[in-house]
Amino acid sequence: MIIEYRYNAFNEKTGTYEIKRTAVEVEDDIGISIKESRKKEDASDHRHKYYCPVSTDEAKYEGMAYADHTVDFYITSEDEKREIAAKKQAEVEERSKRTEYAFSKLSEVQQRRLLQLAEGKTLREIAETEGVSFQSVHESIEAAKKRFKKFF
């Protein structure tokens, strides 16, 4: 079996990289193993490209557009740190106000059932506690979630 390798080689005359190719003849079982390994590596590269968070190194080398903005290592001045902390605090307060407002727009029953759900009770446990059917609790909570999401 013939395995082809491609690699980048620097061309000193032009000052650029060029793709070079070479081929090696190997035994069939080794060739199959190499091909399977390449498939796994390609799949891993694909997952990494689309599903991994951005590296903090990319902020240094590629610019802030590629940086992970949840990490504040690149902020140098104390004023910048205070400004970002104030923005984060304002966002938290705004979210909290919206949550309280949205919660206040739910019926008493929906509020009570959502709180029980948040405490870790199952829908069946809530139904048993209130002496109603499972379906009734399920519909009530789904309606509450739907209404709650309108505010976000």
C-alpha atoms as a PDB file:
ATOM      1  CA  MET A   1       0.000   0.000   0.000  1.00  0.00           C
ATOM      2  CA  ILE A   2       1.269   3.474  -0.830  1.00  0.00           C
ATOM      3  CA  ILE A   3       0.800   6.260   1.710  1.00  0.00           C
ATOM      4  CA  GLU A   4       1.123   9.847   0.540  1.00  0.00           C
ATOM      5  CA  TYR A   5       2.397  12.585   2.833  1.00  0.00           C
ATOM      6  CA  ARG A   6       1.939  16.291   2.235  1.00  0.00           C
ATOM      7  CA  TYR A   7       3.902  18.902   4.123  1.00  0.00           C
ATOM      8  CA  ASN A   8       4.854  22.577   3.934  1.00  0.00           C
ATOM      9  CA  ALA A   9       8.414  23.338   2.943  1.00  0.00           C
ATOM     10  CA  PHE A  10      10.009  26.763   2.947  1.00  0.00           C
ATOM     11  CA  ASN A  11      11.337  27.859  -0.429  1.00  0.00           C
ATOM     12  CA  GLU A  12      14.308  30.122   0.202  1.00  0.00           C
ATOM     13  CA  LYS A  13      14.321  31.520  -3.332  1.00  0.00           C
ATOM     14  CA  THR A  14      10.740  32.822  -3.196  1.00  0.00           C
ATOM     15  CA  GLY A  15      10.519  33.269   0.581  1.00  0.00           C
ATOM     16  CA  THR A  16       7.225  31.369   0.765  1.00  0.00           C
ATOM     17  CA  TYR A  17       5.986  28.001   1.887  1.00  0.00           C
ATOM     18  CA  GLU A  18       5.076  25.397  -0.704  1.00  0.00           C
ATOM     19  CA  ILE A  19       3.211  22.135  -0.363  1.00  0.00           C
ATOM     20  CA  LYS A  20       5.534  19.201  -1.009  1.00  0.00           C
ATOM     21  CA  ARG A  21       4.428  15.607  -1.503  1.00  0.00           C
ATOM     22  CA  THR A  22       6.138  12.333  -0.942  1.00  0.00           C
ATOM     23  CA  ALA A  23       4.952   8.727  -1.080  1.00  0.00           C
ATOM     24  CA  VAL A  24       6.027   5.723   0.967  1.00  0.00           C
ATOM     25  CA  GLU A  25       5.212   2.078   0.353  1.00  0.00           C
ATOM     26  CA  VAL A  26       4.182   0.202   3.503  1.00  0.00           C
ATOM     27  CA  GLU A  27       2.595  -3.123   4.385  1.00  0.00           C
ATOM     28  CA  ASP A  28      -1.207  -3.254   4.125  1.00  0.00           C
ATOM     29  CA  ASP A  29      -1.900  -3.563   7.870  1.00  0.00           C
ATOM     30  CA  ILE A  30       0.350  -0.578   8.636  1.00  0.00           C
ATOM     31  CA  GLY A  31      -1.274   1.424   5.820  1.00  0.00           C
ATOM     32  CA  ILE A  32      -4.749   0.693   7.172  1.00  0.00           C
ATOM     33  CA  SER A  33      -3.619   1.746  10.640  1.00  0.00           C
ATOM     34  CA  ILE A  34      -2.194   5.005   9.289  1.00  0.00           C
ATOM     35  CA  LYS A  35      -5.395   5.779   7.359  1.00  0.00           C
ATOM     36  CA  GLU A  36      -7.568   5.127  10.442  1.00  0.00           C
ATOM     37  CA  SER A  37      -5.287   7.354  12.491  1.00  0.00           C
ATOM     38  CA  ARG A  38      -5.612  10.133   9.898  1.00  0.00           C
ATOM     39  CA  LYS A  39      -9.411   9.857   9.972  1.00  0.00           C
ATOM     40  CA  LYS A  40      -9.437  10.172  13.764  1.00  0.00           C
ATOM     41  CA  GLU A  41      -7.063  13.119  13.622  1.00  0.00           C
ATOM     42  CA  ASP A  42      -9.173  14.879  10.985  1.00  0.00           C
ATOM     43  CA  ALA A  43     -12.327  14.326  13.061  1.00  0.00           C
ATOM     44  CA  SER A  44     -10.561  15.678  16.137  1.00  0.00           C
ATOM     45  CA  ASP A  45      -9.364  18.739  14.216  1.00  0.00           C
ATOM     46  CA  HIS A  46     -12.901  19.329  12.979  1.00  0.00           C
ATOM     47  CA  ARG A  47     -14.346  19.124  16.503  1.00  0.00           C
ATOM     48  CA  HIS A  48     -11.620  21.366  17.865  1.00  0.00           C
ATOM     49  CA  LYS A  49     -12.176  23.952  15.158  1.00  0.00           C
ATOM     50  CA  TYR A  50     -15.917  24.239  15.715  1.00  0.00           C
ATOM     51  CA  TYR A  51     -16.572  23.232  19.318  1.00  0.00           C
ATOM     52  CA  CYS A  52     -13.604  24.299  21.437  1.00  0.00           C
ATOM     53  CA  PRO A  53     -13.442  27.651  23.188  1.00  0.00           C
ATOM     54  CA  VAL A  54     -11.046  30.222  21.833  1.00  0.00           C
ATOM     55  CA  SER A  55      -7.540  30.120  23.280  1.00  0.00           C
ATOM     56  CA  THR A  56      -6.253  33.054  25.277  1.00  0.00           C
ATOM     57  CA  ASP A  57      -3.072  32.920  23.195  1.00  0.00           C
ATOM     58  CA  GLU A  58      -5.091  34.020  20.207  1.00  0.00           C
ATOM     59  CA  ALA A  59      -5.635  37.399  21.834  1.00  0.00           C
ATOM     60  CA  LYS A  60      -1.892  37.963  21.859  1.00  0.00           C
ATOM     61  CA  TYR A  61      -1.143  36.676  18.397  1.00  0.00           C
ATOM     62  CA  GLU A  62      -4.332  37.138  16.386  1.00  0.00           C
ATOM     63  CA  GLY A  63      -5.885  40.193  18.021  1.00  0.00           C
ATOM     64  CA  MET A  64      -8.792  40.919  20.305  1.00  0.00           C
ATOM     65  CA  ALA A  65     -11.385  39.796  17.756  1.00  0.00           C
ATOM     66  CA  TYR A  66     -10.286  36.202  18.425  1.00  0.00           C
ATOM     67  CA  ALA A  67      -9.954  36.520  22.178  1.00  0.00           C
ATOM     68  CA  ASP A  68     -12.099  34.798  24.752  1.00  0.00           C
ATOM     69  CA  HIS A  69     -13.834  37.804  26.302  1.00  0.00           C
ATOM     70  CA  THR A  70     -14.704  35.914  29.483  1.00  0.00           C
ATOM     71  CA  VAL A  71     -11.029  36.040  30.457  1.00  0.00           C
ATOM     72  CA  ASP A  72      -9.670  39.402  31.534  1.00  0.00           C
ATOM     73  CA  PHE A  73      -5.921  38.637  31.495  1.00  0.00           C
ATOM     74  CA  TYR A  74      -5.302  41.158  28.767  1.00  0.00           C
ATOM     75  CA  ILE A  75      -6.708  44.073  30.758  1.00  0.00           C
ATOM     76  CA  THR A  76      -3.801  46.024  32.116  1.00  0.00           C
ATOM     77  CA  SER A  77      -4.982  49.182  33.821  1.00  0.00           C
ATOM     78  CA  GLU A  78      -6.937  49.300  37.052  1.00  0.00           C
ATOM     79  CA  ASP A  79      -9.422  51.711  35.439  1.00  0.00           C
ATOM     80  CA  GLU A  80     -10.221  49.125  32.750  1.00  0.00           C
ATOM     81  CA  LYS A  81     -10.708  46.442  35.412  1.00  0.00           C
ATOM     82  CA  ARG A  82     -13.054  48.677  37.433  1.00  0.00           C
ATOM     83  CA  GLU A  83     -14.990  49.616  34.293  1.00  0.00           C
ATOM     84  CA  ILE A  84     -15.479  45.983  33.293  1.00  0.00           C
ATOM     85  CA  ALA A  85     -16.446  45.007  36.853  1.00  0.00           C
ATOM     86  CA  ALA A  86     -19.025  47.823  36.898  1.00  0.00           C
ATOM     87  CA  LYS A  87     -20.451  46.656  33.547  1.00  0.00           C
ATOM     88  CA  LYS A  88     -20.698  43.065  34.795  1.00  0.00           C
ATOM     89  CA  GLN A  89     -22.404  44.213  37.991  1.00  0.00           C
ATOM     90  CA  ALA A  90     -24.862  46.339  35.999  1.00  0.00           C
ATOM     91  CA  GLU A  91     -25.662  43.343  33.766  1.00  0.00           C
ATOM     92  CA  VAL A  92     -26.278  41.149  36.814  1.00  0.00           C
ATOM     93  CA  GLU A  93     -28.567  43.759  38.371  1.00  0.00           C
ATOM     94  CA  GLU A  94     -30.473  44.249  35.107  1.00  0.00           C
ATOM     95  CA  ARG A  95     -30.927  40.485  34.710  1.00  0.00           C
ATOM     96  CA  SER A  96     -32.096  40.239  38.310  1.00  0.00           C
ATOM     97  CA  LYS A  97     -34.670  43.003  37.813  1.00  0.00           C
ATOM     98  CA  ARG A  98     -35.968  41.375  34.633  1.00  0.00           C
ATOM     99  CA  THR A  99     -36.208  38.022  36.402  1.00  0.00           C
ATOM    100  CA  GLU A 100     -38.147  39.513  39.314  1.00  0.00           C
ATOM    101  CA  TYR A 101     -40.470  41.357  36.941  1.00  0.00           C
ATOM    102  CA  ALA A 102     -41.072  38.263  34.809  1.00  0.00           C
ATOM    103  CA  PHE A 103     -41.696  36.165  37.919  1.00  0.00           C
ATOM    104  CA  SER A 104     -44.199  38.726  39.221  1.00  0.00           C
ATOM    105  CA  LYS A 105     -46.213  38.380  35.999  1.00  0.00           C
ATOM    106  CA  LEU A 106     -46.858  34.674  36.659  1.00  0.00           C
ATOM    107  CA  SER A 107     -49.912  33.444  38.531  1.00  0.00           C
ATOM    108  CA  GLU A 108     -49.602  32.493  42.190  1.00  0.00           C
ATOM    109  CA  VAL A 109     -49.920  28.815  41.324  1.00  0.00           C
ATOM    110  CA  GLN A 110     -47.235  29.041  38.643  1.00  0.00           C
ATOM    111  CA  GLN A 111     -44.896  30.879  41.016  1.00  0.00           C
ATOM    112  CA  ARG A 112     -45.401  28.292  43.741  1.00  0.00           C
ATOM    113  CA  ARG A 113     -44.845  25.378  41.361  1.00  0.00           C
ATOM    114  CA  LEU A 114     -41.735  26.913  39.782  1.00  0.00           C
ATOM    115  CA  LEU A 115     -40.250  27.502  43.229  1.00  0.00           C
ATOM    116  CA  GLN A 116     -40.896  23.889  44.168  1.00  0.00           C
ATOM    117  CA  LEU A 117     -39.300  22.778  40.903  1.00  0.00           C
ATOM    118  CA  ALA A 118     -36.293  24.988  41.642  1.00  0.00           C
ATOM    119  CA  GLU A 119     -35.981  23.357  45.069  1.00  0.00           C
ATOM    120  CA  GLY A 120     -35.485  20.052  43.303  1.00  0.00           C
ATOM    121  CA  LYS A 121     -38.919  18.481  43.494  1.00  0.00           C
ATOM    122  CA  THR A 122     -40.133  16.451  40.545  1.00  0.00           C
ATOM    123  CA  LEU A 123     -43.400  17.182  38.770  1.00  0.00           C
ATOM    124  CA  ARG A 124     -44.921  14.066  40.322  1.00  0.00           C
ATOM    125  CA  GLU A 125     -43.933  15.190  43.838  1.00  0.00           C
ATOM    126  CA  ILE A 126     -45.457  18.631  43.230  1.00  0.00           C
ATOM    127  CA  ALA A 127     -48.652  17.013  41.954  1.00  0.00           C
ATOM    128  CA  GLU A 128     -48.874  14.761  45.020  1.00  0.00           C
ATOM    129  CA  THR A 129     -48.217  17.680  47.400  1.00  0.00           C
ATOM    130  CA  GLU A 130     -50.914  19.832  45.830  1.00  0.00           C
ATOM    131  CA  GLY A 131     -53.356  16.982  45.254  1.00  0.00           C
ATOM    132  CA  VAL A 132     -53.671  17.583  41.516  1.00  0.00           C
ATOM    133  CA  SER A 133     -52.835  15.557  38.422  1.00  0.00           C
ATOM    134  CA  PHE A 134     -49.360  15.317  36.960  1.00  0.00           C
ATOM    135  CA  GLN A 135     -50.677  16.693  33.660  1.00  0.00           C
ATOM    136  CA  SER A 136     -52.031  19.789  35.391  1.00  0.00           C
ATOM    137  CA  VAL A 137     -48.672  20.536  37.006  1.00  0.00           C
ATOM    138  CA  HIS A 138     -46.814  19.859  33.767  1.00  0.00           C
ATOM    139  CA  GLU A 139     -49.050  22.201  31.744  1.00  0.00           C
ATOM    140  CA  SER A 140     -48.858  24.900  34.399  1.00  0.00           C
ATOM    141  CA  ILE A 141     -45.071  24.834  34.520  1.00  0.00           C
ATOM    142  CA  GLU A 142     -44.707  24.756  30.739  1.00  0.00           C
ATOM    143  CA  ALA A 143     -47.010  27.765  30.459  1.00  0.00           C
ATOM    144  CA  ALA A 144     -45.010  29.548  33.153  1.00  0.00           C
ATOM    145  CA  LYS A 145     -41.739  28.839  31.343  1.00  0.00           C
ATOM    146  CA  LYS A 146     -43.194  30.084  28.063  1.00  0.00           C
ATOM    147  CA  ARG A 147     -44.511  33.253  29.674  1.00  0.00           C
ATOM    148  CA  PHE A 148     -41.256  33.751  31.584  1.00  0.00           C
ATOM    149  CA  LYS A 149     -39.174  33.497  28.393  1.00  0.00           C
ATOM    150  CA  LYS A 150     -41.114  36.338  26.780  1.00  0.00           C
ATOM    151  CA  PHE A 151     -39.218  38.732  29.031  1.00  0.00           C
ATOM    152  CA  PHE A 152     -35.793  37.511  27.888  1.00  0.00           C
END
